Amino acid sequence: MTRDMSEGQRAYETRRAARAGLSLEKWLAQKDRDRQQEARAQEKAAKPPERPKKRGLLARLLDRAHKPL
């Protein structure tokens, strides 16, 4: 990521890293890791929820047997 950054961007990120108490490399790695986690969270949120598995025949019959008339 440092290759495609301009000098101004590099200076800005260096100041942010210094403020956080990290080196530039660690700061950029942390930003990349956070970006990947956010992408995974968005992907997970976009997935439709799975339908609950239908209970088996015996379990449904036992539930029905325990219900009051």
N, C-alpha and C. Protein backbone atom coordinates (compact mmCIF):
# COMPACT_ATOMS: atom_id res chain seq x y z
N MET A 1 0.82 -1.19 0.00
CA MET A 1 0.00 0.00 0.00
C MET A 1 0.87 1.26 0.00
N THR A 2 2.08 1.18 0.49
CA THR A 2 2.93 2.37 0.55
C THR A 2 3.41 2.79 -0.82
N ARG A 3 3.40 1.87 -1.80
CA ARG A 3 3.90 2.20 -3.14
C ARG A 3 2.97 3.17 -3.87
N ASP A 4 1.67 2.99 -3.72
CA ASP A 4 0.74 3.82 -4.45
C ASP A 4 0.30 5.07 -3.69
N MET A 5 0.95 5.36 -2.59
CA MET A 5 0.63 6.56 -1.81
C MET A 5 1.52 7.71 -2.25
N SER A 6 0.93 8.90 -2.31
CA SER A 6 1.73 10.07 -2.63
C SER A 6 2.48 10.50 -1.37
N GLU A 7 3.37 11.47 -1.52
CA GLU A 7 4.16 11.94 -0.37
C GLU A 7 3.26 12.56 0.69
N GLY A 8 2.25 13.29 0.25
CA GLY A 8 1.31 13.91 1.19
C GLY A 8 0.53 12.87 1.97
N GLN A 9 0.06 11.84 1.26
CA GLN A 9 -0.67 10.76 1.93
C GLN A 9 0.23 10.02 2.92
N ARG A 10 1.47 9.78 2.50
CA ARG A 10 2.41 9.07 3.36
C ARG A 10 2.68 9.89 4.63
N ALA A 11 2.83 11.20 4.48
CA ALA A 11 3.08 12.06 5.64
C ALA A 11 1.86 12.06 6.57
N TYR A 12 0.68 12.12 5.99
CA TYR A 12 -0.55 12.11 6.78
C TYR A 12 -0.67 10.82 7.57
N GLU A 13 -0.45 9.69 6.91
CA GLU A 13 -0.54 8.39 7.58
C GLU A 13 0.56 8.24 8.63
N THR A 14 1.73 8.80 8.38
CA THR A 14 2.82 8.74 9.35
C THR A 14 2.43 9.50 10.61
N ARG A 15 1.80 10.67 10.46
CA ARG A 15 1.35 11.45 11.63
C ARG A 15 0.28 10.69 12.40
N ARG A 16 -0.65 10.07 11.68
CA ARG A 16 -1.71 9.30 12.36
C ARG A 16 -1.12 8.11 13.11
N ALA A 17 -0.12 7.47 12.50
CA ALA A 17 0.52 6.32 13.14
C ALA A 17 1.27 6.76 14.39
N ALA A 18 1.95 7.91 14.30
CA ALA A 18 2.69 8.42 15.46
C ALA A 18 1.73 8.77 16.58
N ARG A 19 0.59 9.34 16.24
CA ARG A 19 -0.41 9.70 17.25
C ARG A 19 -0.95 8.45 17.94
N ALA A 20 -1.05 7.35 17.20
CA ALA A 20 -1.53 6.09 17.76
C ALA A 20 -0.42 5.31 18.45
N GLY A 21 0.82 5.76 18.31
CA GLY A 21 1.95 5.09 18.95
C GLY A 21 2.42 3.87 18.19
N LEU A 22 2.23 3.85 16.88
CA LEU A 22 2.63 2.72 16.06
C LEU A 22 3.58 3.18 14.96
N SER A 23 4.28 2.22 14.37
CA SER A 23 5.09 2.54 13.20
C SER A 23 4.16 2.60 11.99
N LEU A 24 4.64 3.17 10.91
CA LEU A 24 3.82 3.30 9.71
C LEU A 24 3.40 1.94 9.17
N GLU A 25 4.33 0.97 9.17
CA GLU A 25 4.01 -0.36 8.66
C GLU A 25 2.93 -1.02 9.50
N LYS A 26 3.05 -0.94 10.83
CA LYS A 26 2.06 -1.55 11.71
C LYS A 26 0.71 -0.84 11.55
N TRP A 27 0.74 0.48 11.41
CA TRP A 27 -0.48 1.25 11.24
C TRP A 27 -1.22 0.83 9.95
N LEU A 28 -0.47 0.71 8.87
CA LEU A 28 -1.08 0.32 7.60
C LEU A 28 -1.60 -1.12 7.66
N ALA A 29 -0.87 -1.99 8.34
CA ALA A 29 -1.32 -3.38 8.48
C ALA A 29 -2.61 -3.42 9.30
N GLN A 30 -2.69 -2.61 10.34
CA GLN A 30 -3.89 -2.56 11.18
C GLN A 30 -5.08 -2.03 10.38
N LYS A 31 -4.85 -0.99 9.58
CA LYS A 31 -5.91 -0.44 8.74
C LYS A 31 -6.40 -1.48 7.75
N ASP A 32 -5.49 -2.22 7.16
CA ASP A 32 -5.85 -3.25 6.19
C ASP A 32 -6.66 -4.35 6.87
N ARG A 33 -6.24 -4.76 8.07
CA ARG A 33 -6.94 -5.79 8.82
C ARG A 33 -8.36 -5.32 9.17
N ASP A 34 -8.50 -4.06 9.61
CA ASP A 34 -9.81 -3.52 9.93
C ASP A 34 -10.70 -3.46 8.69
N ARG A 35 -10.13 -3.10 7.56
CA ARG A 35 -10.88 -3.03 6.32
C ARG A 35 -11.38 -4.41 5.91
N GLN A 36 -10.55 -5.44 6.10
CA GLN A 36 -10.96 -6.80 5.76
C GLN A 36 -12.06 -7.29 6.69
N GLN A 37 -11.97 -6.97 7.98
CA GLN A 37 -13.00 -7.37 8.93
C GLN A 37 -14.34 -6.70 8.58
N GLU A 38 -14.29 -5.44 8.20
CA GLU A 38 -15.50 -4.73 7.83
C GLU A 38 -16.13 -5.35 6.57
N ALA A 39 -15.30 -5.73 5.62
CA ALA A 39 -15.81 -6.36 4.40
C ALA A 39 -16.46 -7.70 4.72
N ARG A 40 -15.85 -8.48 5.62
CA ARG A 40 -16.43 -9.75 6.02
C ARG A 40 -17.77 -9.54 6.73
N ALA A 41 -17.85 -8.52 7.59
CA ALA A 41 -19.09 -8.24 8.31
C ALA A 41 -20.19 -7.82 7.34
N GLN A 42 -19.86 -7.02 6.34
CA GLN A 42 -20.86 -6.61 5.36
C GLN A 42 -21.32 -7.80 4.53
N GLU A 43 -20.38 -8.67 4.18
CA GLU A 43 -20.72 -9.87 3.41
C GLU A 43 -21.65 -10.77 4.21
N LYS A 44 -21.35 -10.91 5.50
CA LYS A 44 -22.16 -11.75 6.37
C LYS A 44 -23.56 -11.15 6.54
N ALA A 45 -23.65 -9.83 6.65
CA ALA A 45 -24.94 -9.17 6.81
C ALA A 45 -25.77 -9.26 5.53
N ALA A 46 -25.12 -9.34 4.39
CA ALA A 46 -25.83 -9.39 3.12
C ALA A 46 -26.43 -10.77 2.86
N LYS A 47 -25.88 -11.79 3.50
CA LYS A 47 -26.38 -13.15 3.32
C LYS A 47 -27.75 -13.30 3.98
N PRO A 48 -28.69 -13.96 3.31
CA PRO A 48 -29.99 -14.18 3.96
C PRO A 48 -29.84 -15.18 5.11
N PRO A 49 -30.61 -15.01 6.15
CA PRO A 49 -30.48 -15.94 7.29
C PRO A 49 -30.94 -17.34 6.90
N GLU A 50 -30.31 -18.32 7.48
CA GLU A 50 -30.67 -19.70 7.19
C GLU A 50 -31.96 -20.07 7.91
N ARG A 51 -32.78 -20.89 7.25
CA ARG A 51 -34.01 -21.33 7.88
C ARG A 51 -33.67 -22.35 8.95
N PRO A 52 -34.39 -22.32 10.06
CA PRO A 52 -34.12 -23.32 11.09
C PRO A 52 -34.48 -24.72 10.58
N LYS A 53 -33.73 -25.68 11.02
CA LYS A 53 -33.94 -27.05 10.58
C LYS A 53 -35.24 -27.59 11.18
N LYS A 54 -36.03 -28.27 10.36
CA LYS A 54 -37.30 -28.81 10.80
C LYS A 54 -37.03 -29.98 11.76
N ARG A 55 -37.80 -30.02 12.82
CA ARG A 55 -37.63 -31.09 13.81
C ARG A 55 -38.10 -32.42 13.21
N GLY A 56 -37.56 -33.49 13.74
CA GLY A 56 -37.88 -34.82 13.24
C GLY A 56 -39.30 -35.24 13.61
N LEU A 57 -39.74 -36.32 13.03
CA LEU A 57 -41.09 -36.81 13.21
C LEU A 57 -41.36 -37.15 14.68
N LEU A 58 -40.44 -37.91 15.29
CA LEU A 58 -40.67 -38.31 16.68
C LEU A 58 -40.68 -37.12 17.62
N ALA A 59 -39.81 -36.16 17.41
CA ALA A 59 -39.78 -34.98 18.27
C ALA A 59 -41.08 -34.19 18.15
N ARG A 60 -41.62 -34.08 16.93
CA ARG A 60 -42.88 -33.36 16.74
C ARG A 60 -44.04 -34.11 17.38
N LEU A 61 -44.04 -35.43 17.26
CA LEU A 61 -45.10 -36.22 17.89
C LEU A 61 -45.04 -36.13 19.41
N LEU A 62 -43.83 -36.17 19.97
CA LEU A 62 -43.70 -36.04 21.42
C LEU A 62 -44.15 -34.67 21.90
N ASP A 63 -43.82 -33.63 21.16
CA ASP A 63 -44.28 -32.28 21.53
C ASP A 63 -45.79 -32.22 21.51
N ARG A 64 -46.38 -32.81 20.49
CA ARG A 64 -47.83 -32.80 20.37
C ARG A 64 -48.47 -33.61 21.50
N ALA A 65 -47.84 -34.70 21.91
CA ALA A 65 -48.37 -35.54 22.98
C ALA A 65 -48.32 -34.83 24.32
N HIS A 66 -47.38 -33.94 24.51
CA HIS A 66 -47.23 -33.24 25.79
C HIS A 66 -48.14 -32.01 25.89
N LYS A 67 -48.71 -31.59 24.78
CA LYS A 67 -49.61 -30.43 24.82
C LYS A 67 -50.93 -30.82 25.46
N PRO A 68 -51.52 -29.93 26.26
CA PRO A 68 -52.82 -30.25 26.85
C PRO A 68 -53.92 -30.25 25.77
N LEU A 69 -54.94 -30.99 26.04
CA LEU A 69 -56.06 -31.09 25.08
C LEU A 69 -56.84 -29.86 25.08
